[in-house]
Amino acid sequence: VTHWPNRINYNPDAVLHQYDTLGYIGAYGWPDETDYALVKFNITDAQQITKIGTWITSGNATVTINIYTHFDGSTLTNLLGSIAPQSCPYPGYYTFDLESPITLFSNENIYLKIEYQTPDYEYSIPIEMESDDFSTPVIEQGVFWMSDDGYNWLEYGNNIFEGEYDPCVKVYGELTHTDNTTGVIGDIYPDYT
């Protein structure tokens, strides 16, 4: 059964960042039922980030998201924004609105730290992976880490010993532009009405 609670109108300025072009194929986790994903996105055009989407692997789950600009392999710094713990009563795909949009410029990196709490289910983190006779995705490298405690990170991806997985996480944005004379950010397409 599929349910769409609302409809999103077409927006020519909309931007979607993702690695999981085939979508949610499997899940990964540790037995304590709380796990962490860390996902890097390179922002190639000036935009405002408005929401984050991810799959929830079990019912009665909770997800918390923090967005940073720097990751040195162990520590995240420069918090840009957060999404407070969100209750997810059913498994499936969810989008979460940021309290305030995050303005980013071209060639900036962001790192999403996502905490998944999935009571009674130890496979908390949704992943895209190869599955015999079903999917052969193109797996990225240098963009995805997972952790049991949120501090000690293991890298996953193409040609990585830990596992060839992509994260099932999406970032939604809207293109903007900067007026080089004033530094003002506005819509990339002016409204001539």
N, C-alpha and C. Protein backbone atom coordinates (compact mmCIF):
# COMPACT_ATOMS: atom_id res chain seq x y z
N VAL A 1 0.85 -1.17 0.00
CA VAL A 1 0.00 0.00 0.00
C VAL A 1 0.89 1.23 0.00
N THR A 2 0.57 2.19 -0.83
CA THR A 2 1.32 3.44 -0.91
C THR A 2 0.40 4.59 -0.53
N HIS A 3 0.96 5.57 0.19
CA HIS A 3 0.18 6.70 0.64
C HIS A 3 0.97 7.98 0.43
N TRP A 4 0.42 8.94 -0.30
CA TRP A 4 1.00 10.27 -0.46
C TRP A 4 0.09 11.26 0.24
N PRO A 5 0.50 11.77 1.41
CA PRO A 5 -0.40 12.65 2.17
C PRO A 5 -0.59 14.02 1.55
N ASN A 6 0.32 14.45 0.67
CA ASN A 6 0.15 15.73 0.01
C ASN A 6 0.91 15.73 -1.30
N ARG A 7 0.76 16.79 -2.04
CA ARG A 7 1.36 16.92 -3.37
C ARG A 7 2.28 18.12 -3.37
N ILE A 8 3.44 18.00 -4.01
CA ILE A 8 4.38 19.11 -4.13
C ILE A 8 4.25 19.69 -5.53
N ASN A 9 4.00 20.98 -5.62
CA ASN A 9 3.88 21.65 -6.91
C ASN A 9 5.25 21.72 -7.60
N TYR A 10 5.24 21.71 -8.92
CA TYR A 10 6.47 21.79 -9.70
C TYR A 10 7.18 23.11 -9.44
N ASN A 11 8.48 23.05 -9.22
CA ASN A 11 9.29 24.23 -8.99
C ASN A 11 10.54 24.11 -9.86
N PRO A 12 10.72 24.97 -10.88
CA PRO A 12 11.88 24.85 -11.77
C PRO A 12 13.21 25.10 -11.06
N ASP A 13 13.18 25.70 -9.88
CA ASP A 13 14.40 25.98 -9.13
C ASP A 13 14.75 24.87 -8.15
N ALA A 14 13.92 23.84 -8.07
CA ALA A 14 14.14 22.77 -7.10
C ALA A 14 15.40 21.98 -7.43
N VAL A 15 16.13 21.58 -6.39
CA VAL A 15 17.35 20.80 -6.53
C VAL A 15 17.25 19.59 -5.62
N LEU A 16 17.67 18.44 -6.12
CA LEU A 16 17.68 17.23 -5.31
C LEU A 16 19.08 16.64 -5.34
N HIS A 17 19.65 16.42 -4.16
CA HIS A 17 20.96 15.78 -4.01
C HIS A 17 20.73 14.38 -3.48
N GLN A 18 21.34 13.37 -4.14
CA GLN A 18 21.17 11.99 -3.72
C GLN A 18 22.27 11.13 -4.30
N TYR A 19 22.49 9.98 -3.69
CA TYR A 19 23.39 8.96 -4.23
C TYR A 19 22.64 7.69 -4.58
N ASP A 20 21.52 7.47 -3.94
CA ASP A 20 20.78 6.22 -4.10
C ASP A 20 19.79 6.31 -5.26
N THR A 21 20.29 6.26 -6.47
CA THR A 21 19.41 6.40 -7.63
C THR A 21 18.44 5.24 -7.77
N LEU A 22 18.77 4.07 -7.23
CA LEU A 22 17.85 2.94 -7.26
C LEU A 22 16.99 2.88 -6.00
N GLY A 23 17.40 3.58 -4.95
CA GLY A 23 16.59 3.63 -3.74
C GLY A 23 16.99 2.62 -2.68
N TYR A 24 16.10 2.46 -1.74
CA TYR A 24 16.30 1.63 -0.56
C TYR A 24 16.28 0.15 -0.95
N ILE A 25 17.44 -0.51 -0.83
CA ILE A 25 17.57 -1.92 -1.18
C ILE A 25 17.73 -2.78 0.07
N GLY A 26 18.45 -2.28 1.07
CA GLY A 26 18.70 -3.05 2.28
C GLY A 26 18.93 -2.11 3.45
N ALA A 27 19.38 -2.68 4.58
CA ALA A 27 19.62 -1.88 5.77
C ALA A 27 20.82 -2.46 6.52
N TYR A 28 21.45 -1.59 7.33
CA TYR A 28 22.64 -1.96 8.07
C TYR A 28 22.49 -1.43 9.49
N GLY A 29 23.09 -2.13 10.43
CA GLY A 29 23.03 -1.63 11.80
C GLY A 29 23.73 -2.53 12.78
N TRP A 30 23.69 -2.12 14.04
CA TRP A 30 24.28 -2.85 15.15
C TRP A 30 23.15 -3.25 16.09
N PRO A 31 23.38 -4.22 16.97
CA PRO A 31 22.30 -4.77 17.79
C PRO A 31 21.63 -3.82 18.78
N ASP A 32 22.25 -2.66 19.07
CA ASP A 32 21.65 -1.78 20.09
C ASP A 32 20.49 -0.94 19.57
N GLU A 33 20.17 -1.02 18.27
CA GLU A 33 18.99 -0.39 17.66
C GLU A 33 19.07 1.13 17.55
N THR A 34 20.26 1.72 17.81
CA THR A 34 20.51 3.13 17.56
C THR A 34 21.81 3.23 16.78
N ASP A 35 21.73 3.77 15.58
CA ASP A 35 22.90 3.84 14.71
C ASP A 35 22.95 5.19 14.01
N TYR A 36 24.12 5.49 13.42
CA TYR A 36 24.36 6.81 12.85
C TYR A 36 24.90 6.69 11.44
N ALA A 37 24.38 7.55 10.56
CA ALA A 37 24.90 7.68 9.20
C ALA A 37 25.49 9.08 9.06
N LEU A 38 26.56 9.18 8.30
CA LEU A 38 27.18 10.46 7.99
C LEU A 38 27.32 10.53 6.47
N VAL A 39 26.75 11.56 5.87
CA VAL A 39 26.71 11.66 4.42
C VAL A 39 27.24 13.03 3.98
N LYS A 40 28.17 13.00 3.05
CA LYS A 40 28.77 14.23 2.50
C LYS A 40 28.10 14.56 1.17
N PHE A 41 27.73 15.83 1.02
CA PHE A 41 27.22 16.33 -0.27
C PHE A 41 28.04 17.55 -0.67
N ASN A 42 28.44 17.60 -1.94
CA ASN A 42 29.09 18.78 -2.49
C ASN A 42 28.02 19.62 -3.18
N ILE A 43 27.89 20.84 -2.75
CA ILE A 43 26.88 21.75 -3.30
C ILE A 43 27.53 22.52 -4.45
N THR A 44 27.07 22.27 -5.67
CA THR A 44 27.73 22.84 -6.84
C THR A 44 27.15 24.18 -7.28
N ASP A 45 25.93 24.50 -6.84
CA ASP A 45 25.29 25.77 -7.20
C ASP A 45 24.76 26.44 -5.94
N ALA A 46 24.75 27.77 -5.92
CA ALA A 46 24.19 28.49 -4.78
C ALA A 46 22.73 28.10 -4.59
N GLN A 47 22.37 27.82 -3.36
CA GLN A 47 21.01 27.36 -3.08
C GLN A 47 20.70 27.45 -1.60
N GLN A 48 19.42 27.29 -1.31
CA GLN A 48 18.97 27.17 0.07
C GLN A 48 18.48 25.74 0.27
N ILE A 49 19.00 25.08 1.29
CA ILE A 49 18.57 23.74 1.65
C ILE A 49 17.33 23.88 2.52
N THR A 50 16.27 23.16 2.18
CA THR A 50 14.99 23.32 2.88
C THR A 50 14.53 22.09 3.63
N LYS A 51 14.92 20.89 3.16
CA LYS A 51 14.47 19.68 3.85
C LYS A 51 15.41 18.53 3.57
N ILE A 52 15.30 17.50 4.40
CA ILE A 52 16.09 16.28 4.29
C ILE A 52 15.12 15.11 4.21
N GLY A 53 15.44 14.14 3.36
CA GLY A 53 14.61 12.95 3.24
C GLY A 53 15.42 11.69 3.50
N THR A 54 14.80 10.68 4.08
CA THR A 54 15.44 9.39 4.28
C THR A 54 14.37 8.33 4.51
N TRP A 55 14.79 7.09 4.34
CA TRP A 55 13.91 5.96 4.61
C TRP A 55 14.00 5.60 6.09
N ILE A 56 12.91 5.19 6.65
CA ILE A 56 12.85 4.68 8.02
C ILE A 56 12.57 3.19 7.92
N THR A 57 13.40 2.38 8.56
CA THR A 57 13.38 0.94 8.32
C THR A 57 12.41 0.16 9.21
N SER A 58 11.87 0.80 10.26
CA SER A 58 10.92 0.09 11.12
C SER A 58 9.96 1.07 11.76
N GLY A 59 8.89 0.55 12.32
CA GLY A 59 7.90 1.40 12.98
C GLY A 59 8.39 1.92 14.32
N ASN A 60 7.70 2.96 14.81
CA ASN A 60 8.00 3.58 16.11
C ASN A 60 9.45 4.05 16.21
N ALA A 61 9.97 4.55 15.11
CA ALA A 61 11.36 5.00 15.05
C ALA A 61 11.45 6.49 15.35
N THR A 62 12.66 6.93 15.62
CA THR A 62 12.94 8.35 15.82
C THR A 62 14.20 8.69 15.02
N VAL A 63 14.18 9.83 14.34
CA VAL A 63 15.35 10.27 13.58
C VAL A 63 15.70 11.70 13.99
N THR A 64 17.01 11.96 14.13
CA THR A 64 17.54 13.28 14.48
C THR A 64 18.63 13.61 13.47
N ILE A 65 18.64 14.86 12.96
CA ILE A 65 19.58 15.23 11.90
C ILE A 65 20.32 16.51 12.28
N ASN A 66 21.64 16.49 12.12
CA ASN A 66 22.48 17.68 12.29
C ASN A 66 23.29 17.87 11.01
N ILE A 67 23.47 19.13 10.61
CA ILE A 67 24.18 19.45 9.37
C ILE A 67 25.40 20.31 9.70
N TYR A 68 26.57 19.85 9.23
CA TYR A 68 27.84 20.49 9.51
C TYR A 68 28.55 20.86 8.20
N THR A 69 29.61 21.69 8.32
CA THR A 69 30.42 22.02 7.14
C THR A 69 31.75 21.31 7.10
N HIS A 70 32.22 20.75 8.21
CA HIS A 70 33.55 20.14 8.24
C HIS A 70 33.55 18.79 8.94
N PHE A 71 34.33 17.86 8.36
CA PHE A 71 34.56 16.55 8.95
C PHE A 71 36.00 16.17 8.66
N ASP A 72 36.79 15.92 9.70
CA ASP A 72 38.21 15.61 9.52
C ASP A 72 38.52 14.11 9.58
N GLY A 73 37.50 13.29 9.49
CA GLY A 73 37.68 11.84 9.58
C GLY A 73 37.23 11.28 10.91
N SER A 74 37.12 12.17 11.91
CA SER A 74 36.62 11.73 13.21
C SER A 74 35.69 12.74 13.87
N THR A 75 35.95 14.03 13.65
CA THR A 75 35.19 15.07 14.33
C THR A 75 34.43 15.95 13.34
N LEU A 76 33.18 16.24 13.67
CA LEU A 76 32.35 17.17 12.89
C LEU A 76 32.38 18.54 13.56
N THR A 77 32.50 19.62 12.75
CA THR A 77 32.52 20.97 13.30
C THR A 77 31.68 21.90 12.43
N ASN A 78 31.38 23.05 12.99
CA ASN A 78 30.62 24.12 12.36
C ASN A 78 29.20 23.67 12.02
N LEU A 79 28.39 23.54 13.05
CA LEU A 79 26.99 23.15 12.91
C LEU A 79 26.22 24.25 12.19
N LEU A 80 25.56 23.89 11.08
CA LEU A 80 24.76 24.84 10.30
C LEU A 80 23.29 24.82 10.70
N GLY A 81 22.80 23.66 11.06
CA GLY A 81 21.38 23.53 11.38
C GLY A 81 21.06 22.13 11.86
N SER A 82 19.88 21.99 12.43
CA SER A 82 19.45 20.71 12.99
C SER A 82 17.98 20.48 12.73
N ILE A 83 17.62 19.22 12.78
CA ILE A 83 16.22 18.82 12.82
C ILE A 83 16.07 18.03 14.10
N ALA A 84 15.27 18.55 15.03
CA ALA A 84 15.06 17.93 16.34
C ALA A 84 14.49 16.52 16.15
N PRO A 85 14.59 15.67 17.17
CA PRO A 85 14.07 14.31 17.03
C PRO A 85 12.65 14.27 16.48
N GLN A 86 12.48 13.47 15.43
CA GLN A 86 11.19 13.34 14.75
C GLN A 86 10.67 11.91 14.93
N SER A 87 9.42 11.80 15.30
CA SER A 87 8.78 10.50 15.48
C SER A 87 8.29 9.98 14.13
N CYS A 88 8.59 8.72 13.86
CA CYS A 88 8.20 8.08 12.60
C CYS A 88 7.43 6.81 12.95
N PRO A 89 6.10 6.87 12.99
CA PRO A 89 5.32 5.74 13.46
C PRO A 89 5.36 4.52 12.55
N TYR A 90 5.61 4.72 11.26
CA TYR A 90 5.58 3.62 10.30
C TYR A 90 6.88 3.57 9.50
N PRO A 91 7.27 2.39 9.04
CA PRO A 91 8.41 2.34 8.12
C PRO A 91 8.03 3.00 6.80
N GLY A 92 9.02 3.56 6.10
CA GLY A 92 8.77 4.19 4.81
C GLY A 92 9.62 5.41 4.62
N TYR A 93 9.34 6.17 3.56
CA TYR A 93 10.13 7.35 3.24
C TYR A 93 9.51 8.58 3.89
N TYR A 94 10.36 9.39 4.53
CA TYR A 94 9.93 10.61 5.20
C TYR A 94 10.78 11.78 4.72
N THR A 95 10.18 12.98 4.70
CA THR A 95 10.95 14.21 4.53
C THR A 95 10.74 15.06 5.76
N PHE A 96 11.79 15.79 6.15
CA PHE A 96 11.77 16.60 7.35
C PHE A 96 12.19 18.02 6.99
N ASP A 97 11.33 19.00 7.30
CA ASP A 97 11.62 20.39 7.00
C ASP A 97 12.61 20.97 8.01
N LEU A 98 13.57 21.74 7.49
CA LEU A 98 14.45 22.49 8.37
C LEU A 98 13.68 23.64 8.98
N GLU A 99 13.98 23.98 10.22
CA GLU A 99 13.30 25.09 10.88
C GLU A 99 13.54 26.39 10.11
N SER A 100 14.77 26.57 9.66
CA SER A 100 15.13 27.71 8.81
C SER A 100 15.99 27.17 7.66
N PRO A 101 15.75 27.63 6.43
CA PRO A 101 16.59 27.18 5.31
C PRO A 101 18.06 27.51 5.55
N ILE A 102 18.94 26.68 5.03
CA ILE A 102 20.38 26.90 5.13
C ILE A 102 20.87 27.39 3.78
N THR A 103 21.48 28.58 3.76
CA THR A 103 21.99 29.16 2.53
C THR A 103 23.41 28.66 2.28
N LEU A 104 23.63 28.11 1.09
CA LEU A 104 24.93 27.59 0.70
C LEU A 104 25.34 28.19 -0.63
N PHE A 105 26.64 28.28 -0.85
CA PHE A 105 27.17 28.81 -2.09
C PHE A 105 27.82 27.69 -2.88
N SER A 106 28.19 27.94 -4.11
CA SER A 106 28.75 26.89 -4.95
C SER A 106 30.07 26.38 -4.37
N ASN A 107 30.30 25.08 -4.60
CA ASN A 107 31.51 24.38 -4.16
C ASN A 107 31.68 24.37 -2.64
N GLU A 108 30.58 24.22 -1.92
CA GLU A 108 30.63 24.01 -0.48
C GLU A 108 30.26 22.56 -0.20
N ASN A 109 30.86 21.99 0.84
CA ASN A 109 30.50 20.66 1.30
C ASN A 109 29.64 20.78 2.55
N ILE A 110 28.70 19.86 2.67
CA ILE A 110 27.96 19.72 3.92
C ILE A 110 27.99 18.25 4.31
N TYR A 111 27.88 18.02 5.61
CA TYR A 111 27.87 16.67 6.17
C TYR A 111 26.62 16.51 7.02
N LEU A 112 25.80 15.52 6.69
CA LEU A 112 24.60 15.24 7.45
C LEU A 112 24.89 14.09 8.41
N LYS A 113 24.72 14.33 9.68
CA LYS A 113 24.81 13.28 10.70
C LYS A 113 23.38 12.92 11.09
N ILE A 114 23.00 11.68 10.82
CA ILE A 114 21.64 11.25 11.07
C ILE A 114 21.65 10.13 12.11
N GLU A 115 20.91 10.35 13.18
CA GLU A 115 20.73 9.32 14.21
C GLU A 115 19.41 8.61 13.96
N TYR A 116 19.49 7.29 13.78
CA TYR A 116 18.31 6.46 13.59
C TYR A 116 18.09 5.62 14.85
N GLN A 117 16.95 5.75 15.48
CA GLN A 117 16.57 4.90 16.61
C GLN A 117 15.41 4.02 16.14
N THR A 118 15.63 2.72 16.11
CA THR A 118 14.61 1.80 15.62
C THR A 118 14.38 0.71 16.66
N PRO A 119 13.48 0.93 17.61
CA PRO A 119 13.23 -0.05 18.67
C PRO A 119 12.87 -1.43 18.10
N ASP A 120 13.46 -2.44 18.67
CA ASP A 120 13.19 -3.84 18.29
C ASP A 120 13.62 -4.19 16.88
N TYR A 121 14.49 -3.36 16.28
CA TYR A 121 14.98 -3.66 14.93
C TYR A 121 16.42 -3.17 14.82
N GLU A 122 17.35 -4.07 14.58
CA GLU A 122 18.76 -3.70 14.63
C GLU A 122 19.35 -3.19 13.32
N TYR A 123 18.56 -3.16 12.25
CA TYR A 123 19.05 -2.66 10.96
C TYR A 123 18.47 -1.27 10.72
N SER A 124 19.09 -0.28 11.33
CA SER A 124 18.52 1.07 11.40
C SER A 124 18.77 1.92 10.16
N ILE A 125 19.91 1.71 9.49
CA ILE A 125 20.35 2.63 8.44
C ILE A 125 19.97 2.10 7.06
N PRO A 126 19.17 2.86 6.29
CA PRO A 126 18.78 2.41 4.95
C PRO A 126 19.92 2.59 3.96
N ILE A 127 20.15 1.56 3.13
CA ILE A 127 21.26 1.61 2.18
C ILE A 127 20.83 1.12 0.80
N GLU A 128 21.56 1.62 -0.19
CA GLU A 128 21.49 1.09 -1.55
C GLU A 128 22.70 0.19 -1.72
N MET A 129 22.48 -1.00 -2.28
CA MET A 129 23.56 -1.97 -2.44
C MET A 129 23.25 -2.87 -3.61
N GLU A 130 24.25 -3.63 -4.02
CA GLU A 130 24.03 -4.60 -5.08
C GLU A 130 23.22 -5.77 -4.52
N SER A 131 22.30 -6.25 -5.32
CA SER A 131 21.50 -7.41 -4.96
C SER A 131 21.40 -8.29 -6.19
N ASP A 132 21.83 -9.55 -6.08
CA ASP A 132 21.84 -10.47 -7.21
C ASP A 132 20.49 -10.48 -7.93
N ASP A 133 20.54 -10.36 -9.25
CA ASP A 133 19.35 -10.40 -10.11
C ASP A 133 18.33 -9.31 -9.81
N PHE A 134 18.74 -8.27 -9.07
CA PHE A 134 17.77 -7.22 -8.73
C PHE A 134 18.32 -5.82 -8.99
N SER A 135 19.52 -5.53 -8.44
CA SER A 135 20.05 -4.17 -8.60
C SER A 135 21.57 -4.20 -8.71
N THR A 136 22.08 -3.33 -9.56
CA THR A 136 23.52 -3.14 -9.70
C THR A 136 23.77 -1.63 -9.73
N PRO A 137 23.72 -0.99 -8.57
CA PRO A 137 23.88 0.46 -8.54
C PRO A 137 25.33 0.89 -8.73
N VAL A 138 25.51 2.14 -9.11
CA VAL A 138 26.84 2.75 -9.14
C VAL A 138 27.09 3.28 -7.74
N ILE A 139 28.06 2.70 -7.04
CA ILE A 139 28.34 3.06 -5.65
C ILE A 139 29.42 4.15 -5.62
N GLU A 140 29.18 5.19 -4.85
CA GLU A 140 30.12 6.31 -4.72
C GLU A 140 31.22 5.98 -3.72
N GLN A 141 32.23 6.84 -3.68
CA GLN A 141 33.32 6.68 -2.73
C GLN A 141 33.58 8.01 -2.04
N GLY A 142 33.90 7.96 -0.75
CA GLY A 142 34.26 9.17 0.00
C GLY A 142 33.09 10.02 0.41
N VAL A 143 31.87 9.44 0.46
CA VAL A 143 30.69 10.24 0.80
C VAL A 143 29.84 9.64 1.91
N PHE A 144 30.21 8.45 2.44
CA PHE A 144 29.30 7.75 3.35
C PHE A 144 30.08 7.02 4.44
N TRP A 145 29.67 7.29 5.68
CA TRP A 145 30.23 6.64 6.85
C TRP A 145 29.09 6.18 7.74
N MET A 146 29.32 5.14 8.53
CA MET A 146 28.35 4.69 9.52
C MET A 146 29.05 4.47 10.85
N SER A 147 28.26 4.56 11.93
CA SER A 147 28.81 4.44 13.27
C SER A 147 27.77 3.85 14.21
N ASP A 148 28.24 3.07 15.17
CA ASP A 148 27.36 2.55 16.21
C ASP A 148 27.15 3.57 17.33
N ASP A 149 28.13 4.48 17.53
CA ASP A 149 28.05 5.41 18.65
C ASP A 149 27.99 6.89 18.24
N GLY A 150 28.12 7.20 16.97
CA GLY A 150 28.07 8.59 16.51
C GLY A 150 29.40 9.32 16.61
N TYR A 151 30.48 8.60 16.97
CA TYR A 151 31.80 9.21 17.12
C TYR A 151 32.89 8.48 16.35
N ASN A 152 32.81 7.17 16.32
CA ASN A 152 33.80 6.34 15.63
C ASN A 152 33.21 5.91 14.29
N TRP A 153 33.75 6.46 13.20
CA TRP A 153 33.13 6.31 11.89
C TRP A 153 33.89 5.30 11.03
N LEU A 154 33.13 4.46 10.33
CA LEU A 154 33.67 3.53 9.34
C LEU A 154 33.18 3.97 7.97
N GLU A 155 34.10 4.08 7.00
CA GLU A 155 33.71 4.51 5.66
C GLU A 155 33.16 3.33 4.85
N TYR A 156 32.12 3.60 4.09
CA TYR A 156 31.52 2.62 3.19
C TYR A 156 31.46 3.24 1.81
N GLY A 157 31.49 2.41 0.77
CA GLY A 157 31.42 2.93 -0.58
C GLY A 157 32.14 2.04 -1.56
N ASN A 158 32.35 2.55 -2.75
CA ASN A 158 32.99 1.81 -3.82
C ASN A 158 34.43 1.44 -3.45
N ASN A 159 34.78 0.16 -3.59
CA ASN A 159 36.12 -0.35 -3.30
C ASN A 159 36.55 -0.12 -1.86
N ILE A 160 35.61 -0.07 -0.94
CA ILE A 160 35.92 0.09 0.48
C ILE A 160 35.73 -1.26 1.15
N PHE A 161 36.69 -1.66 1.97
CA PHE A 161 36.66 -2.97 2.61
C PHE A 161 35.41 -3.16 3.46
N GLU A 162 34.96 -2.10 4.13
CA GLU A 162 33.82 -2.23 5.05
C GLU A 162 32.53 -2.63 4.34
N GLY A 163 32.33 -2.22 3.11
CA GLY A 163 31.11 -2.58 2.39
C GLY A 163 30.81 -1.60 1.28
N GLU A 164 30.27 -2.10 0.19
CA GLU A 164 29.95 -1.25 -0.95
C GLU A 164 28.47 -0.86 -0.88
N TYR A 165 28.24 0.27 -0.19
CA TYR A 165 26.88 0.77 0.02
C TYR A 165 26.84 2.27 -0.28
N ASP A 166 25.67 2.75 -0.71
CA ASP A 166 25.37 4.17 -0.78
C ASP A 166 24.30 4.48 0.26
N PRO A 167 24.29 5.70 0.79
CA PRO A 167 23.28 6.07 1.77
C PRO A 167 21.94 6.40 1.09
N CYS A 168 20.86 6.05 1.74
CA CYS A 168 19.52 6.42 1.25
C CYS A 168 19.08 7.69 1.96
N VAL A 169 19.71 8.78 1.57
CA VAL A 169 19.47 10.09 2.16
C VAL A 169 19.40 11.10 1.02
N LYS A 170 18.45 12.02 1.10
CA LYS A 170 18.29 13.04 0.06
C LYS A 170 18.25 14.43 0.70
N VAL A 171 18.82 15.41 -0.03
CA VAL A 171 18.80 16.81 0.40
C VAL A 171 18.01 17.58 -0.65
N TYR A 172 17.03 18.35 -0.19
CA TYR A 172 16.18 19.15 -1.07
C TYR A 172 16.57 20.62 -0.92
N GLY A 173 16.73 21.28 -2.05
CA GLY A 173 17.09 22.69 -2.03
C GLY A 173 16.38 23.47 -3.11
N GLU A 174 16.66 24.76 -3.12
CA GLU A 174 16.11 25.66 -4.13
C GLU A 174 17.21 26.60 -4.57
N LEU A 175 17.44 26.68 -5.90
CA LEU A 175 18.52 27.51 -6.44
C LEU A 175 18.34 28.97 -6.07
N THR A 176 19.46 29.62 -5.81
CA THR A 176 19.50 31.06 -5.53
C THR A 176 20.68 31.64 -6.31
N HIS A 177 20.81 32.94 -6.28
CA HIS A 177 22.00 33.56 -6.89
C HIS A 177 22.42 34.73 -6.02
N THR A 178 23.65 35.12 -6.17
CA THR A 178 24.19 36.24 -5.41
C THR A 178 24.46 37.38 -6.38
N ASP A 179 23.98 38.55 -6.03
CA ASP A 179 24.30 39.76 -6.77
C ASP A 179 25.69 40.18 -6.34
N ASN A 180 26.66 40.09 -7.23
CA ASN A 180 28.05 40.37 -6.86
C ASN A 180 28.28 41.82 -6.43
N THR A 181 27.38 42.72 -6.78
CA THR A 181 27.58 44.12 -6.39
C THR A 181 27.03 44.40 -5.00
N THR A 182 26.01 43.64 -4.59
CA THR A 182 25.41 43.91 -3.28
C THR A 182 25.58 42.76 -2.30
N GLY A 183 25.89 41.55 -2.82
CA GLY A 183 25.97 40.38 -1.95
C GLY A 183 24.62 39.84 -1.55
N VAL A 184 23.55 40.36 -2.16
CA VAL A 184 22.20 39.93 -1.81
C VAL A 184 21.87 38.63 -2.51
N ILE A 185 21.28 37.71 -1.76
CA ILE A 185 20.86 36.43 -2.32
C ILE A 185 19.39 36.54 -2.68
N GLY A 186 19.04 36.04 -3.87
CA GLY A 186 17.65 36.06 -4.29
C GLY A 186 17.34 34.89 -5.18
N ASP A 187 16.12 34.84 -5.68
CA ASP A 187 15.72 33.78 -6.59
C ASP A 187 16.55 33.86 -7.85
N ILE A 188 16.93 32.72 -8.38
CA ILE A 188 17.74 32.70 -9.58
C ILE A 188 16.94 33.18 -10.80
N TYR A 189 15.63 32.98 -10.76
CA TYR A 189 14.77 33.46 -11.83
C TYR A 189 13.88 34.55 -11.26
N PRO A 190 14.06 35.79 -11.68
CA PRO A 190 13.24 36.87 -11.11
C PRO A 190 11.78 36.71 -11.50
N ASP A 191 10.91 37.22 -10.64
CA ASP A 191 9.47 37.19 -10.89
C ASP A 191 9.08 38.46 -11.63
N TYR A 192 8.68 38.32 -12.90
CA TYR A 192 8.34 39.49 -13.70
C TYR A 192 6.84 39.77 -13.74
N THR A 193 6.09 39.19 -12.80
CA THR A 193 4.63 39.42 -12.79
C THR A 193 4.28 40.76 -12.23
